[in-house]
Structure formats: C-alpha cells, structure tokens
Amino acid sequence: MPDYQHKDILGNDIKVGDSCVYPVHNILKIGFVSKLNPKMLDIKTGKGYFTRKYPFDVYVINDPKLSVYLLKNSK
C-alpha cells in the first residue's frame, strides 16, 4: 500500500488522524483526516459523514484547545 505525502495550506504535513478545518461554501467545519488518497483527503466530520477535500483546502490543527471545544460542543 503506497504511503502518500500531503501538505496543508501552510505547508504542514498531513497524517491520518489529524484534526483539521476546511471550507464548506462560506463557513469552516472541523473534521479528522481518515484516509490519504493520491490526490485528495477523506475527512470524517463529527456526525460520521465523510467528505473529500484537496490538501491545499485544509488547515491542520493539532491544538489541545480544539479537543476541549469538541468536548464542550458535541451533542
């Protein structure tokens, strides 16, 4: 199985399991990278849905504050 290397909009490496933000129309959503494909990323949203985005459309956030936000605002 090939190992793909992708970089986000600021040049940070993207790995499976990273939390990220990505645009949907005119808002930003939070998700987790679930799979790296040759050209795109599979991102899992909070409700269990999957979406595909190009690597240059996402920004990887590995911050403990994001975990606290997700715990406080999850339903």
PDB file of N, CA and C in Angstrom:
ATOM      1  N   MET A   1       0.849  -1.175   0.000  1.00  0.00           N
ATOM      2  CA  MET A   1       0.000   0.000   0.000  1.00  0.00           C
ATOM      3  C   MET A   1       0.893   1.236   0.000  1.00  0.00           C
ATOM      4  N   PRO A   2       0.724   2.134  -0.961  1.00  0.00           N
ATOM      5  CA  PRO A   2       1.592   3.311  -1.036  1.00  0.00           C
ATOM      6  C   PRO A   2       1.313   4.285   0.102  1.00  0.00           C
ATOM      7  N   ASP A   3       2.344   4.999   0.474  1.00  0.00           N
ATOM      8  CA  ASP A   3       2.235   5.991   1.535  1.00  0.00           C
ATOM      9  C   ASP A   3       2.296   7.378   0.891  1.00  0.00           C
ATOM     10  N   TYR A   4       1.180   8.096   0.914  1.00  0.00           N
ATOM     11  CA  TYR A   4       1.105   9.400   0.262  1.00  0.00           C
ATOM     12  C   TYR A   4       1.530  10.499   1.222  1.00  0.00           C
ATOM     13  N   GLN A   5       2.198  11.503   0.686  1.00  0.00           N
ATOM     14  CA  GLN A   5       2.627  12.672   1.448  1.00  0.00           C
ATOM     15  C   GLN A   5       1.837  13.880   0.963  1.00  0.00           C
ATOM     16  N   HIS A   6       1.097  14.503   1.862  1.00  0.00           N
ATOM     17  CA  HIS A   6       0.341  15.707   1.526  1.00  0.00           C
ATOM     18  C   HIS A   6       0.696  16.812   2.503  1.00  0.00           C
ATOM     19  N   LYS A   7       0.569  18.056   2.044  1.00  0.00           N
ATOM     20  CA  LYS A   7       0.812  19.227   2.882  1.00  0.00           C
ATOM     21  C   LYS A   7      -0.421  20.120   2.839  1.00  0.00           C
ATOM     22  N   ASP A   8      -0.718  20.774   3.991  1.00  0.00           N
ATOM     23  CA  ASP A   8      -1.878  21.650   4.048  1.00  0.00           C
ATOM     24  C   ASP A   8      -1.560  23.016   3.448  1.00  0.00           C
ATOM     25  N   ILE A   9      -2.435  23.968   3.641  1.00  0.00           N
ATOM     26  CA  ILE A   9      -2.299  25.277   3.011  1.00  0.00           C
ATOM     27  C   ILE A   9      -1.052  26.032   3.471  1.00  0.00           C
ATOM     28  N   LEU A  10      -0.558  25.753   4.677  1.00  0.00           N
ATOM     29  CA  LEU A  10       0.644  26.413   5.191  1.00  0.00           C
ATOM     30  C   LEU A  10       1.895  25.550   5.100  1.00  0.00           C
ATOM     31  N   GLY A  11       1.792  24.371   4.513  1.00  0.00           N
ATOM     32  CA  GLY A  11       2.954  23.516   4.329  1.00  0.00           C
ATOM     33  C   GLY A  11       3.183  22.505   5.429  1.00  0.00           C
ATOM     34  N   ASN A  12       2.245  22.359   6.358  1.00  0.00           N
ATOM     35  CA  ASN A  12       2.368  21.353   7.414  1.00  0.00           C
ATOM     36  C   ASN A  12       2.024  19.980   6.846  1.00  0.00           C
ATOM     37  N   ASP A  13       2.709  18.948   7.337  1.00  0.00           N
ATOM     38  CA  ASP A  13       2.421  17.587   6.890  1.00  0.00           C
ATOM     39  C   ASP A  13       1.052  17.147   7.397  1.00  0.00           C
ATOM     40  N   ILE A  14       0.340  16.406   6.551  1.00  0.00           N
ATOM     41  CA  ILE A  14      -0.975  15.872   6.912  1.00  0.00           C
ATOM     42  C   ILE A  14      -0.826  14.381   7.115  1.00  0.00           C
ATOM     43  N   LYS A  15      -1.308  13.891   8.271  1.00  0.00           N
ATOM     44  CA  LYS A  15      -1.271  12.471   8.592  1.00  0.00           C
ATOM     45  C   LYS A  15      -2.680  12.001   8.920  1.00  0.00           C
ATOM     46  N   VAL A  16      -2.906  10.717   8.839  1.00  0.00           N
ATOM     47  CA  VAL A  16      -4.200  10.149   9.211  1.00  0.00           C
ATOM     48  C   VAL A  16      -4.422  10.385  10.704  1.00  0.00           C
ATOM     49  N   GLY A  17      -5.608  10.859  11.054  1.00  0.00           N
ATOM     50  CA  GLY A  17      -5.952  11.126  12.440  1.00  0.00           C
ATOM     51  C   GLY A  17      -5.795  12.579  12.848  1.00  0.00           C
ATOM     52  N   ASP A  18      -5.195  13.407  12.003  1.00  0.00           N
ATOM     53  CA  ASP A  18      -5.035  14.826  12.315  1.00  0.00           C
ATOM     54  C   ASP A  18      -6.387  15.525  12.286  1.00  0.00           C
ATOM     55  N   SER A  19      -6.571  16.473  13.183  1.00  0.00           N
ATOM     56  CA  SER A  19      -7.768  17.313  13.142  1.00  0.00           C
ATOM     57  C   SER A  19      -7.486  18.482  12.220  1.00  0.00           C
ATOM     58  N   CYS A  20      -8.523  18.912  11.500  1.00  0.00           N
ATOM     59  CA  CYS A  20      -8.332  19.976  10.520  1.00  0.00           C
ATOM     60  C   CYS A  20      -9.609  20.787  10.366  1.00  0.00           C
ATOM     61  N   VAL A  21      -9.466  21.964   9.801  1.00  0.00           N
ATOM     62  CA  VAL A  21     -10.616  22.771   9.405  1.00  0.00           C
ATOM     63  C   VAL A  21     -10.598  22.877   7.889  1.00  0.00           C
ATOM     64  N   TYR A  22     -11.798  22.946   7.307  1.00  0.00           N
ATOM     65  CA  TYR A  22     -11.918  23.009   5.856  1.00  0.00           C
ATOM     66  C   TYR A  22     -13.161  23.832   5.509  1.00  0.00           C
ATOM     67  N   PRO A  23     -13.153  24.488   4.343  1.00  0.00           N
ATOM     68  CA  PRO A  23     -14.298  25.321   3.969  1.00  0.00           C
ATOM     69  C   PRO A  23     -15.428  24.508   3.336  1.00  0.00           C
ATOM     70  N   VAL A  24     -16.643  24.903   3.668  1.00  0.00           N
ATOM     71  CA  VAL A  24     -17.841  24.401   3.003  1.00  0.00           C
ATOM     72  C   VAL A  24     -18.684  25.630   2.705  1.00  0.00           C
ATOM     73  N   HIS A  25     -18.758  25.983   1.446  1.00  0.00           N
ATOM     74  CA  HIS A  25     -19.401  27.211   0.979  1.00  0.00           C
ATOM     75  C   HIS A  25     -18.761  28.412   1.662  1.00  0.00           C
ATOM     76  N   ASN A  26     -19.419  29.037   2.644  1.00  0.00           N
ATOM     77  CA  ASN A  26     -18.830  30.217   3.273  1.00  0.00           C
ATOM     78  C   ASN A  26     -18.602  30.033   4.771  1.00  0.00           C
ATOM     79  N   ILE A  27     -18.493  28.792   5.237  1.00  0.00           N
ATOM     80  CA  ILE A  27     -18.206  28.522   6.646  1.00  0.00           C
ATOM     81  C   ILE A  27     -17.033  27.550   6.759  1.00  0.00           C
ATOM     82  N   LEU A  28     -16.464  27.465   7.946  1.00  0.00           N
ATOM     83  CA  LEU A  28     -15.398  26.499   8.213  1.00  0.00           C
ATOM     84  C   LEU A  28     -15.961  25.374   9.070  1.00  0.00           C
ATOM     85  N   LYS A  29     -15.610  24.154   8.744  1.00  0.00           N
ATOM     86  CA  LYS A  29     -16.028  22.987   9.511  1.00  0.00           C
ATOM     87  C   LYS A  29     -14.799  22.291  10.064  1.00  0.00           C
ATOM     88  N   ILE A  30     -15.006  21.540  11.137  1.00  0.00           N
ATOM     89  CA  ILE A  30     -13.937  20.787  11.791  1.00  0.00           C
ATOM     90  C   ILE A  30     -14.115  19.314  11.463  1.00  0.00           C
ATOM     91  N   GLY A  31     -13.016  18.644  11.142  1.00  0.00           N
ATOM     92  CA  GLY A  31     -13.069  17.224  10.860  1.00  0.00           C
ATOM     93  C   GLY A  31     -11.747  16.558  11.159  1.00  0.00           C
ATOM     94  N   PHE A  32     -11.694  15.261  10.895  1.00  0.00           N
ATOM     95  CA  PHE A  32     -10.496  14.472  11.130  1.00  0.00           C
ATOM     96  C   PHE A  32     -10.119  13.737   9.856  1.00  0.00           C
ATOM     97  N   VAL A  33      -8.848  13.738   9.523  1.00  0.00           N
ATOM     98  CA  VAL A  33      -8.368  13.057   8.322  1.00  0.00           C
ATOM     99  C   VAL A  33      -8.465  11.554   8.568  1.00  0.00           C
ATOM    100  N   SER A  34      -9.213  10.867   7.702  1.00  0.00           N
ATOM    101  CA  SER A  34      -9.386   9.426   7.890  1.00  0.00           C
ATOM    102  C   SER A  34      -8.608   8.599   6.872  1.00  0.00           C
ATOM    103  N   LYS A  35      -8.306   9.189   5.695  1.00  0.00           N
ATOM    104  CA  LYS A  35      -7.586   8.439   4.681  1.00  0.00           C
ATOM    105  C   LYS A  35      -6.880   9.410   3.745  1.00  0.00           C
ATOM    106  N   LEU A  36      -5.681   9.018   3.315  1.00  0.00           N
ATOM    107  CA  LEU A  36      -4.930   9.782   2.327  1.00  0.00           C
ATOM    108  C   LEU A  36      -5.030   9.071   0.986  1.00  0.00           C
ATOM    109  N   ASN A  37      -5.544   9.759  -0.001  1.00  0.00           N
ATOM    110  CA  ASN A  37      -5.650   9.237  -1.361  1.00  0.00           C
ATOM    111  C   ASN A  37      -4.581   9.901  -2.217  1.00  0.00           C
ATOM    112  N   PRO A  38      -4.379   9.452  -3.455  1.00  0.00           N
ATOM    113  CA  PRO A  38      -3.324  10.050  -4.281  1.00  0.00           C
ATOM    114  C   PRO A  38      -3.470  11.562  -4.472  1.00  0.00           C
ATOM    115  N   LYS A  39      -4.698  12.053  -4.659  1.00  0.00           N
ATOM    116  CA  LYS A  39      -4.888  13.482  -4.896  1.00  0.00           C
ATOM    117  C   LYS A  39      -5.675  14.189  -3.803  1.00  0.00           C
ATOM    118  N   MET A  40      -6.520  13.467  -3.093  1.00  0.00           N
ATOM    119  CA  MET A  40      -7.433  14.097  -2.142  1.00  0.00           C
ATOM    120  C   MET A  40      -7.343  13.420  -0.779  1.00  0.00           C
ATOM    121  N   LEU A  41      -8.015  14.053   0.196  1.00  0.00           N
ATOM    122  CA  LEU A  41      -8.100  13.527   1.558  1.00  0.00           C
ATOM    123  C   LEU A  41      -9.533  13.128   1.845  1.00  0.00           C
ATOM    124  N   ASP A  42      -9.735  12.050   2.576  1.00  0.00           N
ATOM    125  CA  ASP A  42     -11.043  11.718   3.110  1.00  0.00           C
ATOM    126  C   ASP A  42     -11.094  12.291   4.515  1.00  0.00           C
ATOM    127  N   ILE A  43     -12.093  13.134   4.770  1.00  0.00           N
ATOM    128  CA  ILE A  43     -12.227  13.785   6.069  1.00  0.00           C
ATOM    129  C   ILE A  43     -13.533  13.340   6.695  1.00  0.00           C
ATOM    130  N   LYS A  44     -13.461  12.898   7.943  1.00  0.00           N
ATOM    131  CA  LYS A  44     -14.644  12.472   8.674  1.00  0.00           C
ATOM    132  C   LYS A  44     -15.122  13.630   9.527  1.00  0.00           C
ATOM    133  N   THR A  45     -16.396  13.962   9.394  1.00  0.00           N
ATOM    134  CA  THR A  45     -16.966  15.051  10.179  1.00  0.00           C
ATOM    135  C   THR A  45     -17.434  14.511  11.521  1.00  0.00           C
ATOM    136  N   GLY A  46     -17.903  15.390  12.363  1.00  0.00           N
ATOM    137  CA  GLY A  46     -18.329  15.000  13.704  1.00  0.00           C
ATOM    138  C   GLY A  46     -19.529  14.080  13.730  1.00  0.00           C
ATOM    139  N   LYS A  47     -20.392  14.133  12.727  1.00  0.00           N
ATOM    140  CA  LYS A  47     -21.606  13.323  12.716  1.00  0.00           C
ATOM    141  C   LYS A  47     -21.428  12.011  11.969  1.00  0.00           C
ATOM    142  N   GLY A  48     -20.207  11.671  11.606  1.00  0.00           N
ATOM    143  CA  GLY A  48     -19.944  10.405  10.951  1.00  0.00           C
ATOM    144  C   GLY A  48     -19.969  10.453   9.440  1.00  0.00           C
ATOM    145  N   TYR A  49     -20.187  11.616   8.861  1.00  0.00           N
ATOM    146  CA  TYR A  49     -20.171  11.754   7.415  1.00  0.00           C
ATOM    147  C   TYR A  49     -18.742  11.899   6.917  1.00  0.00           C
ATOM    148  N   PHE A  50     -18.527  11.564   5.660  1.00  0.00           N
ATOM    149  CA  PHE A  50     -17.225  11.722   5.031  1.00  0.00           C
ATOM    150  C   PHE A  50     -17.319  12.746   3.915  1.00  0.00           C
ATOM    151  N   THR A  51     -16.262  13.494   3.722  1.00  0.00           N
ATOM    152  CA  THR A  51     -16.155  14.418   2.607  1.00  0.00           C
ATOM    153  C   THR A  51     -14.749  14.312   2.042  1.00  0.00           C
ATOM    154  N   ARG A  52     -14.586  14.736   0.821  1.00  0.00           N
ATOM    155  CA  ARG A  52     -13.253  14.730   0.193  1.00  0.00           C
ATOM    156  C   ARG A  52     -12.843  16.153  -0.099  1.00  0.00           C
ATOM    157  N   LYS A  53     -11.610  16.478   0.246  1.00  0.00           N
ATOM    158  CA  LYS A  53     -11.053  17.805   0.003  1.00  0.00           C
ATOM    159  C   LYS A  53      -9.632  17.656  -0.521  1.00  0.00           C
ATOM    160  N   TYR A  54      -9.213  18.639  -1.299  1.00  0.00           N
ATOM    161  CA  TYR A  54      -7.822  18.691  -1.730  1.00  0.00           C
ATOM    162  C   TYR A  54      -6.952  19.121  -0.550  1.00  0.00           C
ATOM    163  N   PRO A  55      -5.705  18.690  -0.497  1.00  0.00           N
ATOM    164  CA  PRO A  55      -4.838  19.044   0.642  1.00  0.00           C
ATOM    165  C   PRO A  55      -4.643  20.546   0.811  1.00  0.00           C
ATOM    166  N   PHE A  56      -4.634  21.303  -0.271  1.00  0.00           N
ATOM    167  CA  PHE A  56      -4.416  22.741  -0.156  1.00  0.00           C
ATOM    168  C   PHE A  56      -5.676  23.482   0.300  1.00  0.00           C
ATOM    169  N   ASP A  57      -6.780  22.774   0.518  1.00  0.00           N
ATOM    170  CA  ASP A  57      -8.006  23.387   1.033  1.00  0.00           C
ATOM    171  C   ASP A  57      -8.174  23.203   2.531  1.00  0.00           C
ATOM    172  N   VAL A  58      -7.294  22.449   3.170  1.00  0.00           N
ATOM    173  CA  VAL A  58      -7.451  22.201   4.609  1.00  0.00           C
ATOM    174  C   VAL A  58      -6.310  22.850   5.390  1.00  0.00           C
ATOM    175  N   TYR A  59      -6.560  23.038   6.678  1.00  0.00           N
ATOM    176  CA  TYR A  59      -5.541  23.528   7.597  1.00  0.00           C
ATOM    177  C   TYR A  59      -5.521  22.592   8.797  1.00  0.00           C
ATOM    178  N   VAL A  60      -4.385  21.998   9.070  1.00  0.00           N
ATOM    179  CA  VAL A  60      -4.235  21.030  10.164  1.00  0.00           C
ATOM    180  C   VAL A  60      -4.083  21.783  11.480  1.00  0.00           C
ATOM    181  N   ILE A  61      -4.912  21.384  12.458  1.00  0.00           N
ATOM    182  CA  ILE A  61      -4.844  21.982  13.794  1.00  0.00           C
ATOM    183  C   ILE A  61      -4.575  20.859  14.789  1.00  0.00           C
ATOM    184  N   ASN A  62      -3.438  20.884  15.412  1.00  0.00           N
ATOM    185  CA  ASN A  62      -3.137  19.927  16.483  1.00  0.00           C
ATOM    186  C   ASN A  62      -2.935  20.730  17.759  1.00  0.00           C
ATOM    187  N   ASP A  63      -4.048  21.162  18.328  1.00  0.00           N
ATOM    188  CA  ASP A  63      -4.033  22.028  19.497  1.00  0.00           C
ATOM    189  C   ASP A  63      -4.960  21.425  20.562  1.00  0.00           C
ATOM    190  N   PRO A  64      -4.532  21.370  21.818  1.00  0.00           N
ATOM    191  CA  PRO A  64      -5.404  20.832  22.868  1.00  0.00           C
ATOM    192  C   PRO A  64      -6.695  21.632  23.041  1.00  0.00           C
ATOM    193  N   LYS A  65      -6.690  22.888  22.649  1.00  0.00           N
ATOM    194  CA  LYS A  65      -7.900  23.706  22.773  1.00  0.00           C
ATOM    195  C   LYS A  65      -9.010  23.173  21.876  1.00  0.00           C
ATOM    196  N   LEU A  66      -8.646  22.571  20.758  1.00  0.00           N
ATOM    197  CA  LEU A  66      -9.648  22.002  19.862  1.00  0.00           C
ATOM    198  C   LEU A  66     -10.351  20.824  20.528  1.00  0.00           C
ATOM    199  N   SER A  67      -9.630  19.999  21.258  1.00  0.00           N
ATOM    200  CA  SER A  67     -10.245  18.877  21.965  1.00  0.00           C
ATOM    201  C   SER A  67     -11.243  19.367  23.005  1.00  0.00           C
ATOM    202  N   VAL A  68     -10.883  20.416  23.724  1.00  0.00           N
ATOM    203  CA  VAL A  68     -11.786  20.980  24.722  1.00  0.00           C
ATOM    204  C   VAL A  68     -13.033  21.537  24.044  1.00  0.00           C
ATOM    205  N   TYR A  69     -12.860  22.217  22.914  1.00  0.00           N
ATOM    206  CA  TYR A  69     -14.006  22.751  22.175  1.00  0.00           C
ATOM    207  C   TYR A  69     -14.936  21.644  21.725  1.00  0.00           C
ATOM    208  N   LEU A  70     -14.372  20.559  21.174  1.00  0.00           N
ATOM    209  CA  LEU A  70     -15.194  19.469  20.693  1.00  0.00           C
ATOM    210  C   LEU A  70     -15.941  18.774  21.838  1.00  0.00           C
ATOM    211  N   LEU A  71     -15.307  18.643  22.993  1.00  0.00           N
ATOM    212  CA  LEU A  71     -15.981  18.027  24.136  1.00  0.00           C
ATOM    213  C   LEU A  71     -17.116  18.913  24.655  1.00  0.00           C
ATOM    214  N   LYS A  72     -16.913  20.212  24.662  1.00  0.00           N
ATOM    215  CA  LYS A  72     -17.937  21.114  25.179  1.00  0.00           C
ATOM    216  C   LYS A  72     -19.120  21.263  24.223  1.00  0.00           C
ATOM    217  N   ASN A  73     -18.868  21.199  22.928  1.00  0.00           N
ATOM    218  CA  ASN A  73     -19.915  21.489  21.952  1.00  0.00           C
ATOM    219  C   ASN A  73     -20.445  20.261  21.214  1.00  0.00           C
ATOM    220  N   SER A  74     -20.073  19.078  21.642  1.00  0.00           N
ATOM    221  CA  SER A  74     -20.601  17.875  20.984  1.00  0.00           C
ATOM    222  C   SER A  74     -21.978  17.541  21.561  1.00  0.00           C
ATOM    223  N   LYS A  75     -22.799  16.944  20.715  1.00  0.00           N
ATOM    224  CA  LYS A  75     -24.180  16.619  21.154  1.00  0.00           C
ATOM    225  C   LYS A  75     -24.352  15.146  21.304  1.00  0.00           C
TER     226      LYS A  75
END
